[in-house]
PDB file of N, CA and C in Angstrom:
ATOM      1  N   MET A   1      60.301 -25.475 -14.655  1.00  0.00           N
ATOM      2  CA  MET A   1      59.772 -24.317 -15.342  1.00  0.00           C
ATOM      3  C   MET A   1      60.510 -23.065 -14.883  1.00  0.00           C
ATOM      4  N   ASP A   2      60.623 -22.115 -15.783  1.00  0.00           N
ATOM      5  CA  ASP A   2      61.201 -20.826 -15.412  1.00  0.00           C
ATOM      6  C   ASP A   2      60.289 -20.117 -14.415  1.00  0.00           C
ATOM      7  N   GLN A   3      60.840 -19.170 -13.696  1.00  0.00           N
ATOM      8  CA  GLN A   3      60.049 -18.440 -12.715  1.00  0.00           C
ATOM      9  C   GLN A   3      58.949 -17.645 -13.413  1.00  0.00           C
ATOM     10  N   LEU A   4      57.766 -17.648 -12.820  1.00  0.00           N
ATOM     11  CA  LEU A   4      56.626 -16.941 -13.386  1.00  0.00           C
ATOM     12  C   LEU A   4      56.682 -15.466 -13.041  1.00  0.00           C
ATOM     13  N   THR A   5      56.112 -14.641 -13.927  1.00  0.00           N
ATOM     14  CA  THR A   5      55.931 -13.236 -13.596  1.00  0.00           C
ATOM     15  C   THR A   5      54.863 -13.158 -12.503  1.00  0.00           C
ATOM     16  N   PRO A   6      54.820 -12.074 -11.759  1.00  0.00           N
ATOM     17  CA  PRO A   6      53.768 -11.942 -10.744  1.00  0.00           C
ATOM     18  C   PRO A   6      52.358 -12.056 -11.336  1.00  0.00           C
ATOM     19  N   GLU A   7      52.155 -11.527 -12.531  1.00  0.00           N
ATOM     20  CA  GLU A   7      50.838 -11.593 -13.175  1.00  0.00           C
ATOM     21  C   GLU A   7      50.470 -13.024 -13.529  1.00  0.00           C
ATOM     22  N   ASP A   8      51.442 -13.806 -14.013  1.00  0.00           N
ATOM     23  CA  ASP A   8      51.169 -15.200 -14.345  1.00  0.00           C
ATOM     24  C   ASP A   8      50.976 -16.041 -13.084  1.00  0.00           C
ATOM     25  N   ALA A   9      51.762 -15.763 -12.056  1.00  0.00           N
ATOM     26  CA  ALA A   9      51.587 -16.476 -10.783  1.00  0.00           C
ATOM     27  C   ALA A   9      50.186 -16.220 -10.230  1.00  0.00           C
ATOM     28  N   LYS A  10      49.667 -15.000 -10.428  1.00  0.00           N
ATOM     29  CA  LYS A  10      48.329 -14.660  -9.938  1.00  0.00           C
ATOM     30  C   LYS A  10      47.265 -15.526 -10.603  1.00  0.00           C
ATOM     31  N   ILE A  11      47.331 -15.719 -11.919  1.00  0.00           N
ATOM     32  CA  ILE A  11      46.275 -16.502 -12.566  1.00  0.00           C
ATOM     33  C   ILE A  11      46.390 -17.982 -12.225  1.00  0.00           C
ATOM     34  N   VAL A  12      47.606 -18.465 -11.990  1.00  0.00           N
ATOM     35  CA  VAL A  12      47.756 -19.854 -11.529  1.00  0.00           C
ATOM     36  C   VAL A  12      47.136 -19.989 -10.138  1.00  0.00           C
ATOM     37  N   THR A  13      47.391 -19.030  -9.266  1.00  0.00           N
ATOM     38  CA  THR A  13      46.822 -19.050  -7.918  1.00  0.00           C
ATOM     39  C   THR A  13      45.293 -18.973  -7.960  1.00  0.00           C
ATOM     40  N   LEU A  14      44.755 -18.123  -8.824  1.00  0.00           N
ATOM     41  CA  LEU A  14      43.303 -18.025  -8.961  1.00  0.00           C
ATOM     42  C   LEU A  14      42.693 -19.333  -9.454  1.00  0.00           C
ATOM     43  N   ALA A  15      43.340 -19.967 -10.421  1.00  0.00           N
ATOM     44  CA  ALA A  15      42.846 -21.254 -10.937  1.00  0.00           C
ATOM     45  C   ALA A  15      42.843 -22.300  -9.828  1.00  0.00           C
ATOM     46  N   ARG A  16      43.916 -22.350  -9.095  1.00  0.00           N
ATOM     47  CA  ARG A  16      44.041 -23.331  -8.011  1.00  0.00           C
ATOM     48  C   ARG A  16      43.026 -23.064  -6.901  1.00  0.00           C
ATOM     49  N   ALA A  17      42.878 -21.817  -6.510  1.00  0.00           N
ATOM     50  CA  ALA A  17      41.959 -21.464  -5.434  1.00  0.00           C
ATOM     51  C   ALA A  17      40.505 -21.731  -5.830  1.00  0.00           C
ATOM     52  N   SER A  18      40.161 -21.434  -7.063  1.00  0.00           N
ATOM     53  CA  SER A  18      38.785 -21.682  -7.525  1.00  0.00           C
ATOM     54  C   SER A  18      38.468 -23.167  -7.476  1.00  0.00           C
ATOM     55  N   ARG A  19      39.398 -23.959  -7.956  1.00  0.00           N
ATOM     56  CA  ARG A  19      39.228 -25.417  -7.963  1.00  0.00           C
ATOM     57  C   ARG A  19      39.070 -25.941  -6.536  1.00  0.00           C
ATOM     58  N   ALA A  20      39.929 -25.494  -5.642  1.00  0.00           N
ATOM     59  CA  ALA A  20      39.882 -25.965  -4.256  1.00  0.00           C
ATOM     60  C   ALA A  20      38.596 -25.514  -3.551  1.00  0.00           C
ATOM     61  N   ARG A  21      38.211 -24.267  -3.772  1.00  0.00           N
ATOM     62  CA  ARG A  21      37.019 -23.721  -3.103  1.00  0.00           C
ATOM     63  C   ARG A  21      35.761 -24.485  -3.500  1.00  0.00           C
ATOM     64  N   ASN A  22      35.657 -24.848  -4.781  1.00  0.00           N
ATOM     65  CA  ASN A  22      34.459 -25.532  -5.256  1.00  0.00           C
ATOM     66  C   ASN A  22      34.577 -27.051  -5.233  1.00  0.00           C
ATOM     67  N   GLY A  23      35.763 -27.567  -4.948  1.00  0.00           N
ATOM     68  CA  GLY A  23      35.956 -29.009  -4.911  1.00  0.00           C
ATOM     69  C   GLY A  23      35.739 -29.668  -6.262  1.00  0.00           C
ATOM     70  N   THR A  24      36.173 -29.009  -7.318  1.00  0.00           N
ATOM     71  CA  THR A  24      35.959 -29.508  -8.675  1.00  0.00           C
ATOM     72  C   THR A  24      37.237 -30.110  -9.252  1.00  0.00           C
ATOM     73  N   ALA A  25      37.094 -30.771 -10.367  1.00  0.00           N
ATOM     74  CA  ALA A  25      38.228 -31.417 -11.023  1.00  0.00           C
ATOM     75  C   ALA A  25      39.115 -30.419 -11.759  1.00  0.00           C
ATOM     76  N   GLU A  26      38.545 -29.297 -12.181  1.00  0.00           N
ATOM     77  CA  GLU A  26      39.281 -28.323 -12.982  1.00  0.00           C
ATOM     78  C   GLU A  26      39.139 -26.921 -12.409  1.00  0.00           C
ATOM     79  N   GLY A  27      40.183 -26.139 -12.596  1.00  0.00           N
ATOM     80  CA  GLY A  27      40.158 -24.716 -12.276  1.00  0.00           C
ATOM     81  C   GLY A  27      40.921 -23.984 -13.355  1.00  0.00           C
ATOM     82  N   ALA A  28      40.506 -22.771 -13.667  1.00  0.00           N
ATOM     83  CA  ALA A  28      41.187 -22.000 -14.703  1.00  0.00           C
ATOM     84  C   ALA A  28      41.044 -20.518 -14.421  1.00  0.00           C
ATOM     85  N   ALA A  29      41.927 -19.743 -15.003  1.00  0.00           N
ATOM     86  CA  ALA A  29      41.840 -18.284 -14.945  1.00  0.00           C
ATOM     87  C   ALA A  29      42.471 -17.728 -16.206  1.00  0.00           C
ATOM     88  N   VAL A  30      41.936 -16.608 -16.662  1.00  0.00           N
ATOM     89  CA  VAL A  30      42.499 -15.914 -17.822  1.00  0.00           C
ATOM     90  C   VAL A  30      42.706 -14.454 -17.466  1.00  0.00           C
ATOM     91  N   ARG A  31      43.634 -13.806 -18.173  1.00  0.00           N
ATOM     92  CA  ARG A  31      43.887 -12.377 -18.008  1.00  0.00           C
ATOM     93  C   ARG A  31      43.646 -11.708 -19.354  1.00  0.00           C
ATOM     94  N   ASP A  32      42.785 -10.686 -19.363  1.00  0.00           N
ATOM     95  CA  ASP A  32      42.485 -10.034 -20.634  1.00  0.00           C
ATOM     96  C   ASP A  32      43.504  -8.933 -20.947  1.00  0.00           C
ATOM     97  N   LEU A  33      43.320  -8.272 -22.056  1.00  0.00           N
ATOM     98  CA  LEU A  33      44.270  -7.262 -22.521  1.00  0.00           C
ATOM     99  C   LEU A  33      44.319  -6.029 -21.629  1.00  0.00           C
ATOM    100  N   ASP A  34      43.299  -5.842 -20.782  1.00  0.00           N
ATOM    101  CA  ASP A  34      43.275  -4.731 -19.836  1.00  0.00           C
ATOM    102  C   ASP A  34      43.798  -5.128 -18.463  1.00  0.00           C
ATOM    103  N   GLY A  35      44.229  -6.389 -18.306  1.00  0.00           N
ATOM    104  CA  GLY A  35      44.750  -6.871 -17.037  1.00  0.00           C
ATOM    105  C   GLY A  35      43.693  -7.425 -16.097  1.00  0.00           C
ATOM    106  N   ARG A  36      42.434  -7.446 -16.534  1.00  0.00           N
ATOM    107  CA  ARG A  36      41.373  -8.019 -15.701  1.00  0.00           C
ATOM    108  C   ARG A  36      41.473  -9.541 -15.730  1.00  0.00           C
ATOM    109  N   THR A  37      41.129 -10.167 -14.614  1.00  0.00           N
ATOM    110  CA  THR A  37      41.199 -11.627 -14.534  1.00  0.00           C
ATOM    111  C   THR A  37      39.818 -12.219 -14.324  1.00  0.00           C
ATOM    112  N   TYR A  38      39.662 -13.426 -14.838  1.00  0.00           N
ATOM    113  CA  TYR A  38      38.405 -14.171 -14.732  1.00  0.00           C
ATOM    114  C   TYR A  38      38.774 -15.595 -14.340  1.00  0.00           C
ATOM    115  N   ALA A  39      38.191 -16.081 -13.253  1.00  0.00           N
ATOM    116  CA  ALA A  39      38.467 -17.431 -12.771  1.00  0.00           C
ATOM    117  C   ALA A  39      37.200 -18.259 -12.848  1.00  0.00           C
ATOM    118  N   ALA A  40      37.355 -19.552 -13.109  1.00  0.00           N
ATOM    119  CA  ALA A  40      36.206 -20.440 -13.242  1.00  0.00           C
ATOM    120  C   ALA A  40      36.598 -21.867 -12.887  1.00  0.00           C
ATOM    121  N   THR A  41      35.576 -22.658 -12.616  1.00  0.00           N
ATOM    122  CA  THR A  41      35.750 -24.101 -12.460  1.00  0.00           C
ATOM    123  C   THR A  41      34.875 -24.791 -13.489  1.00  0.00           C
ATOM    124  N   ASN A  42      35.109 -26.075 -13.662  1.00  0.00           N
ATOM    125  CA  ASN A  42      34.251 -26.813 -14.582  1.00  0.00           C
ATOM    126  C   ASN A  42      32.844 -26.940 -14.006  1.00  0.00           C
ATOM    127  N   VAL A  43      31.882 -27.076 -14.907  1.00  0.00           N
ATOM    128  CA  VAL A  43      30.480 -27.262 -14.531  1.00  0.00           C
ATOM    129  C   VAL A  43      30.052 -28.615 -15.076  1.00  0.00           C
ATOM    130  N   ASP A  44      29.460 -29.426 -14.224  1.00  0.00           N
ATOM    131  CA  ASP A  44      29.016 -30.755 -14.637  1.00  0.00           C
ATOM    132  C   ASP A  44      27.604 -30.996 -14.110  1.00  0.00           C
ATOM    133  N   LEU A  45      26.638 -30.495 -14.868  1.00  0.00           N
ATOM    134  CA  LEU A  45      25.220 -30.644 -14.540  1.00  0.00           C
ATOM    135  C   LEU A  45      24.576 -31.571 -15.566  1.00  0.00           C
ATOM    136  N   PRO A  46      23.430 -32.136 -15.249  1.00  0.00           N
ATOM    137  CA  PRO A  46      22.774 -33.011 -16.229  1.00  0.00           C
ATOM    138  C   PRO A  46      22.535 -32.336 -17.581  1.00  0.00           C
ATOM    139  N   SER A  47      22.247 -31.039 -17.571  1.00  0.00           N
ATOM    140  CA  SER A  47      21.946 -30.357 -18.827  1.00  0.00           C
ATOM    141  C   SER A  47      23.051 -29.432 -19.311  1.00  0.00           C
ATOM    142  N   LEU A  48      24.173 -29.353 -18.588  1.00  0.00           N
ATOM    143  CA  LEU A  48      25.257 -28.449 -18.977  1.00  0.00           C
ATOM    144  C   LEU A  48      26.593 -28.981 -18.486  1.00  0.00           C
ATOM    145  N   THR A  49      27.501 -29.177 -19.403  1.00  0.00           N
ATOM    146  CA  THR A  49      28.864 -29.559 -19.068  1.00  0.00           C
ATOM    147  C   THR A  49      29.802 -28.605 -19.795  1.00  0.00           C
ATOM    148  N   ILE A  50      30.684 -27.964 -19.027  1.00  0.00           N
ATOM    149  CA  ILE A  50      31.638 -27.036 -19.630  1.00  0.00           C
ATOM    150  C   ILE A  50      32.934 -27.079 -18.833  1.00  0.00           C
ATOM    151  N   GLY A  51      34.035 -27.060 -19.545  1.00  0.00           N
ATOM    152  CA  GLY A  51      35.341 -27.074 -18.906  1.00  0.00           C
ATOM    153  C   GLY A  51      35.677 -25.730 -18.285  1.00  0.00           C
ATOM    154  N   ALA A  52      36.547 -25.748 -17.287  1.00  0.00           N
ATOM    155  CA  ALA A  52      36.912 -24.531 -16.560  1.00  0.00           C
ATOM    156  C   ALA A  52      37.537 -23.487 -17.472  1.00  0.00           C
ATOM    157  N   LEU A  53      38.446 -23.897 -18.341  1.00  0.00           N
ATOM    158  CA  LEU A  53      39.104 -22.928 -19.210  1.00  0.00           C
ATOM    159  C   LEU A  53      38.119 -22.320 -20.198  1.00  0.00           C
ATOM    160  N   ASP A  54      37.243 -23.134 -20.754  1.00  0.00           N
ATOM    161  CA  ASP A  54      36.217 -22.619 -21.659  1.00  0.00           C
ATOM    162  C   ASP A  54      35.311 -21.617 -20.939  1.00  0.00           C
ATOM    163  N   LEU A  55      34.952 -21.920 -19.693  1.00  0.00           N
ATOM    164  CA  LEU A  55      34.079 -21.025 -18.943  1.00  0.00           C
ATOM    165  C   LEU A  55      34.786 -19.718 -18.603  1.00  0.00           C
ATOM    166  N   ALA A  56      36.053 -19.774 -18.244  1.00  0.00           N
ATOM    167  CA  ALA A  56      36.802 -18.547 -17.955  1.00  0.00           C
ATOM    168  C   ALA A  56      36.862 -17.659 -19.197  1.00  0.00           C
ATOM    169  N   VAL A  57      37.067 -18.259 -20.367  1.00  0.00           N
ATOM    170  CA  VAL A  57      37.068 -17.492 -21.619  1.00  0.00           C
ATOM    171  C   VAL A  57      35.679 -16.900 -21.864  1.00  0.00           C
ATOM    172  N   ALA A  58      34.633 -17.684 -21.659  1.00  0.00           N
ATOM    173  CA  ALA A  58      33.261 -17.193 -21.854  1.00  0.00           C
ATOM    174  C   ALA A  58      32.970 -16.014 -20.923  1.00  0.00           C
ATOM    175  N   MET A  59      33.439 -16.088 -19.684  1.00  0.00           N
ATOM    176  CA  MET A  59      33.232 -14.990 -18.743  1.00  0.00           C
ATOM    177  C   MET A  59      33.939 -13.722 -19.225  1.00  0.00           C
ATOM    178  N   ALA A  60      35.148 -13.885 -19.759  1.00  0.00           N
ATOM    179  CA  ALA A  60      35.883 -12.733 -20.283  1.00  0.00           C
ATOM    180  C   ALA A  60      35.137 -12.112 -21.459  1.00  0.00           C
ATOM    181  N   VAL A  61      34.677 -12.954 -22.378  1.00  0.00           N
ATOM    182  CA  VAL A  61      33.944 -12.459 -23.541  1.00  0.00           C
ATOM    183  C   VAL A  61      32.675 -11.734 -23.105  1.00  0.00           C
ATOM    184  N   SER A  62      31.936 -12.328 -22.184  1.00  0.00           N
ATOM    185  CA  SER A  62      30.674 -11.718 -21.754  1.00  0.00           C
ATOM    186  C   SER A  62      30.899 -10.425 -20.981  1.00  0.00           C
ATOM    187  N   SER A  63      32.121 -10.186 -20.528  1.00  0.00           N
ATOM    188  CA  SER A  63      32.458  -8.941 -19.834  1.00  0.00           C
ATOM    189  C   SER A  63      33.068  -7.907 -20.763  1.00  0.00           C
ATOM    190  N   GLY A  64      33.169  -8.263 -22.049  1.00  0.00           N
ATOM    191  CA  GLY A  64      33.656  -7.302 -23.034  1.00  0.00           C
ATOM    192  C   GLY A  64      35.118  -7.407 -23.401  1.00  0.00           C
ATOM    193  N   ALA A  65      35.810  -8.450 -22.959  1.00  0.00           N
ATOM    194  CA  ALA A  65      37.226  -8.597 -23.305  1.00  0.00           C
ATOM    195  C   ALA A  65      37.390  -8.754 -24.812  1.00  0.00           C
ATOM    196  N   LYS A  66      38.388  -8.069 -25.350  1.00  0.00           N
ATOM    197  CA  LYS A  66      38.676  -8.132 -26.788  1.00  0.00           C
ATOM    198  C   LYS A  66      39.820  -9.087 -27.103  1.00  0.00           C
ATOM    199  N   GLY A  67      40.491  -9.588 -26.076  1.00  0.00           N
ATOM    200  CA  GLY A  67      41.600 -10.518 -26.265  1.00  0.00           C
ATOM    201  C   GLY A  67      42.137 -10.965 -24.922  1.00  0.00           C
ATOM    202  N   LEU A  68      43.097 -11.872 -24.947  1.00  0.00           N
ATOM    203  CA  LEU A  68      43.709 -12.395 -23.728  1.00  0.00           C
ATOM    204  C   LEU A  68      45.213 -12.262 -23.793  1.00  0.00           C
ATOM    205  N   GLU A  69      45.824 -12.025 -22.629  1.00  0.00           N
ATOM    206  CA  GLU A  69      47.280 -12.011 -22.513  1.00  0.00           C
ATOM    207  C   GLU A  69      47.821 -13.373 -22.110  1.00  0.00           C
ATOM    208  N   ALA A  70      47.055 -14.096 -21.285  1.00  0.00           N
ATOM    209  CA  ALA A  70      47.527 -15.382 -20.769  1.00  0.00           C
ATOM    210  C   ALA A  70      46.364 -16.142 -20.151  1.00  0.00           C
ATOM    211  N   ALA A  71      46.581 -17.441 -19.974  1.00  0.00           N
ATOM    212  CA  ALA A  71      45.597 -18.303 -19.336  1.00  0.00           C
ATOM    213  C   ALA A  71      46.333 -19.324 -18.472  1.00  0.00           C
ATOM    214  N   ALA A  72      45.630 -19.833 -17.468  1.00  0.00           N
ATOM    215  CA  ALA A  72      46.164 -20.896 -16.617  1.00  0.00           C
ATOM    216  C   ALA A  72      45.070 -21.910 -16.377  1.00  0.00           C
ATOM    217  N   VAL A  73      45.465 -23.180 -16.293  1.00  0.00           N
ATOM    218  CA  VAL A  73      44.469 -24.230 -16.089  1.00  0.00           C
ATOM    219  C   VAL A  73      45.052 -25.357 -15.256  1.00  0.00           C
ATOM    220  N   ILE A  74      44.195 -25.934 -14.428  1.00  0.00           N
ATOM    221  CA  ILE A  74      44.513 -27.138 -13.663  1.00  0.00           C
ATOM    222  C   ILE A  74      43.447 -28.156 -14.029  1.00  0.00           C
ATOM    223  N   GLY A  75      43.849 -29.307 -14.498  1.00  0.00           N
ATOM    224  CA  GLY A  75      42.906 -30.356 -14.880  1.00  0.00           C
ATOM    225  C   GLY A  75      42.780 -30.473 -16.389  1.00  0.00           C
ATOM    226  N   GLN A  76      41.742 -31.173 -16.810  1.00  0.00           N
ATOM    227  CA  GLN A  76      41.501 -31.397 -18.240  1.00  0.00           C
ATOM    228  C   GLN A  76      41.312 -30.059 -18.949  1.00  0.00           C
ATOM    229  N   HIS A  77      41.724 -29.992 -20.202  1.00  0.00           N
ATOM    230  CA  HIS A  77      41.587 -28.727 -20.912  1.00  0.00           C
ATOM    231  C   HIS A  77      41.728 -28.914 -22.420  1.00  0.00           C
ATOM    232  N   THR A  78      41.180 -27.954 -23.107  1.00  0.00           N
ATOM    233  CA  THR A  78      41.431 -27.747 -24.522  1.00  0.00           C
ATOM    234  C   THR A  78      41.658 -26.253 -24.660  1.00  0.00           C
ATOM    235  N   ILE A  79      42.545 -25.849 -25.542  1.00  0.00           N
ATOM    236  CA  ILE A  79      42.875 -24.425 -25.637  1.00  0.00           C
ATOM    237  C   ILE A  79      42.190 -23.739 -26.818  1.00  0.00           C
ATOM    238  N   ASP A  80      41.241 -24.407 -27.441  1.00  0.00           N
ATOM    239  CA  ASP A  80      40.583 -23.839 -28.619  1.00  0.00           C
ATOM    240  C   ASP A  80      39.911 -22.504 -28.323  1.00  0.00           C
ATOM    241  N   ALA A  81      39.177 -22.394 -27.231  1.00  0.00           N
ATOM    242  CA  ALA A  81      38.484 -21.140 -26.910  1.00  0.00           C
ATOM    243  C   ALA A  81      39.479 -20.022 -26.625  1.00  0.00           C
ATOM    244  N   VAL A  82      40.593 -20.357 -25.974  1.00  0.00           N
ATOM    245  CA  VAL A  82      41.635 -19.357 -25.723  1.00  0.00           C
ATOM    246  C   VAL A  82      42.157 -18.849 -27.062  1.00  0.00           C
ATOM    247  N   ARG A  83      42.451 -19.753 -27.975  1.00  0.00           N
ATOM    248  CA  ARG A  83      42.946 -19.387 -29.299  1.00  0.00           C
ATOM    249  C   ARG A  83      41.933 -18.512 -30.043  1.00  0.00           C
ATOM    250  N   ASP A  84      40.647 -18.859 -29.940  1.00  0.00           N
ATOM    251  CA  ASP A  84      39.606 -18.085 -30.621  1.00  0.00           C
ATOM    252  C   ASP A  84      39.596 -16.630 -30.177  1.00  0.00           C
ATOM    253  N   LEU A  85      39.752 -16.382 -28.882  1.00  0.00           N
ATOM    254  CA  LEU A  85      39.713 -15.016 -28.365  1.00  0.00           C
ATOM    255  C   LEU A  85      41.072 -14.334 -28.420  1.00  0.00           C
ATOM    256  N   ALA A  86      42.125 -15.082 -28.144  1.00  0.00           N
ATOM    257  CA  ALA A  86      43.444 -14.471 -27.969  1.00  0.00           C
ATOM    258  C   ALA A  86      44.276 -14.402 -29.238  1.00  0.00           C
ATOM    259  N   GLY A  87      44.024 -15.289 -30.176  1.00  0.00           N
ATOM    260  CA  GLY A  87      44.880 -15.346 -31.352  1.00  0.00           C
ATOM    261  C   GLY A  87      46.095 -16.222 -31.105  1.00  0.00           C
ATOM    262  N   ALA A  88      47.114 -15.998 -31.895  1.00  0.00           N
ATOM    263  CA  ALA A  88      48.302 -16.861 -31.866  1.00  0.00           C
ATOM    264  C   ALA A  88      49.310 -16.428 -30.807  1.00  0.00           C
ATOM    265  N   ASP A  89      50.046 -17.403 -30.315  1.00  0.00           N
ATOM    266  CA  ASP A  89      51.215 -17.233 -29.455  1.00  0.00           C
ATOM    267  C   ASP A  89      50.916 -16.676 -28.061  1.00  0.00           C
ATOM    268  N   VAL A  90      49.758 -17.000 -27.522  1.00  0.00           N
ATOM    269  CA  VAL A  90      49.415 -16.608 -26.151  1.00  0.00           C
ATOM    270  C   VAL A  90      49.698 -17.799 -25.240  1.00  0.00           C
ATOM    271  N   PRO A  91      50.386 -17.581 -24.107  1.00  0.00           N
ATOM    272  CA  PRO A  91      50.716 -18.705 -23.229  1.00  0.00           C
ATOM    273  C   PRO A  91      49.520 -19.226 -22.446  1.00  0.00           C
ATOM    274  N   VAL A  92      49.457 -20.552 -22.353  1.00  0.00           N
ATOM    275  CA  VAL A  92      48.480 -21.236 -21.503  1.00  0.00           C
ATOM    276  C   VAL A  92      49.304 -22.054 -20.510  1.00  0.00           C
ATOM    277  N   LEU A  93      49.282 -21.645 -19.257  1.00  0.00           N
ATOM    278  CA  LEU A  93      50.067 -22.293 -18.211  1.00  0.00           C
ATOM    279  C   LEU A  93      49.277 -23.478 -17.675  1.00  0.00           C
ATOM    280  N   VAL A  94      49.816 -24.657 -17.807  1.00  0.00           N
ATOM    281  CA  VAL A  94      49.179 -25.873 -17.314  1.00  0.00           C
ATOM    282  C   VAL A  94      49.865 -26.223 -15.992  1.00  0.00           C
ATOM    283  N   ALA A  95      49.070 -26.295 -14.927  1.00  0.00           N
ATOM    284  CA  ALA A  95      49.633 -26.540 -13.603  1.00  0.00           C
ATOM    285  C   ALA A  95      49.034 -27.801 -12.989  1.00  0.00           C
ATOM    286  N   ASP A  96      49.757 -28.344 -12.020  1.00  0.00           N
ATOM    287  CA  ASP A  96      49.232 -29.494 -11.284  1.00  0.00           C
ATOM    288  C   ASP A  96      48.402 -28.999 -10.100  1.00  0.00           C
ATOM    289  N   GLU A  97      47.872 -29.919  -9.310  1.00  0.00           N
ATOM    290  CA  GLU A  97      46.987 -29.565  -8.197  1.00  0.00           C
ATOM    291  C   GLU A  97      47.660 -28.701  -7.137  1.00  0.00           C
ATOM    292  N   ALA A  98      48.991 -28.779  -7.061  1.00  0.00           N
ATOM    293  CA  ALA A  98      49.728 -27.966  -6.099  1.00  0.00           C
ATOM    294  C   ALA A  98      50.019 -26.570  -6.632  1.00  0.00           C
ATOM    295  N   GLY A  99      49.681 -26.318  -7.905  1.00  0.00           N
ATOM    296  CA  GLY A  99      49.930 -25.020  -8.513  1.00  0.00           C
ATOM    297  C   GLY A  99      51.269 -24.895  -9.197  1.00  0.00           C
ATOM    298  N   THR A 100      51.973 -26.011  -9.337  1.00  0.00           N
ATOM    299  CA  THR A 100      53.258 -25.995 -10.033  1.00  0.00           C
ATOM    300  C   THR A 100      53.021 -26.089 -11.531  1.00  0.00           C
ATOM    301  N   VAL A 101      53.545 -25.137 -12.270  1.00  0.00           N
ATOM    302  CA  VAL A 101      53.381 -25.155 -13.726  1.00  0.00           C
ATOM    303  C   VAL A 101      54.227 -26.283 -14.291  1.00  0.00           C
ATOM    304  N   THR A 102      53.569 -27.181 -15.007  1.00  0.00           N
ATOM    305  CA  THR A 102      54.245 -28.355 -15.577  1.00  0.00           C
ATOM    306  C   THR A 102      54.470 -28.230 -17.074  1.00  0.00           C
ATOM    307  N   GLU A 103      53.751 -27.298 -17.693  1.00  0.00           N
ATOM    308  CA  GLU A 103      53.843 -27.156 -19.145  1.00  0.00           C
ATOM    309  C   GLU A 103      53.309 -25.776 -19.516  1.00  0.00           C
ATOM    310  N   VAL A 104      53.891 -25.185 -20.542  1.00  0.00           N
ATOM    311  CA  VAL A 104      53.375 -23.958 -21.102  1.00  0.00           C
ATOM    312  C   VAL A 104      53.043 -24.221 -22.562  1.00  0.00           C
ATOM    313  N   LEU A 105      51.751 -24.170 -22.860  1.00  0.00           N
ATOM    314  CA  LEU A 105      51.291 -24.326 -24.236  1.00  0.00           C
ATOM    315  C   LEU A 105      51.195 -22.955 -24.857  1.00  0.00           C
ATOM    316  N   ARG A 106      51.201 -22.884 -26.180  1.00  0.00           N
ATOM    317  CA  ARG A 106      51.026 -21.618 -26.895  1.00  0.00           C
ATOM    318  C   ARG A 106      49.879 -21.798 -27.870  1.00  0.00           C
ATOM    319  N   THR A 107      49.031 -20.783 -27.944  1.00  0.00           N
ATOM    320  CA  THR A 107      47.903 -20.859 -28.880  1.00  0.00           C
ATOM    321  C   THR A 107      48.392 -20.729 -30.303  1.00  0.00           C
TER     322      THR A 107
END
């Protein structure tokens, strides 16, 4: 992968750190149009299951974000929620457990 910008490296680091801190299968982070970041892990409760990337997008929306500049995820993912908020051609950095970006998807 090409070298990440400092802003993109930050959201990959946040995704990785969130996942490690909570001991979960997934970690994600998004950056909104104002540069604010939101990090999340997956939730797996008997009455609620939500993926990390979906939750990070939900946190951004509930905080008033009007769009996203980028997203990062470690683990299982779908980019539908990112696309819903961000629109077309926004990068979603897919990283492995070590934080190495293995793929860049576009909404």
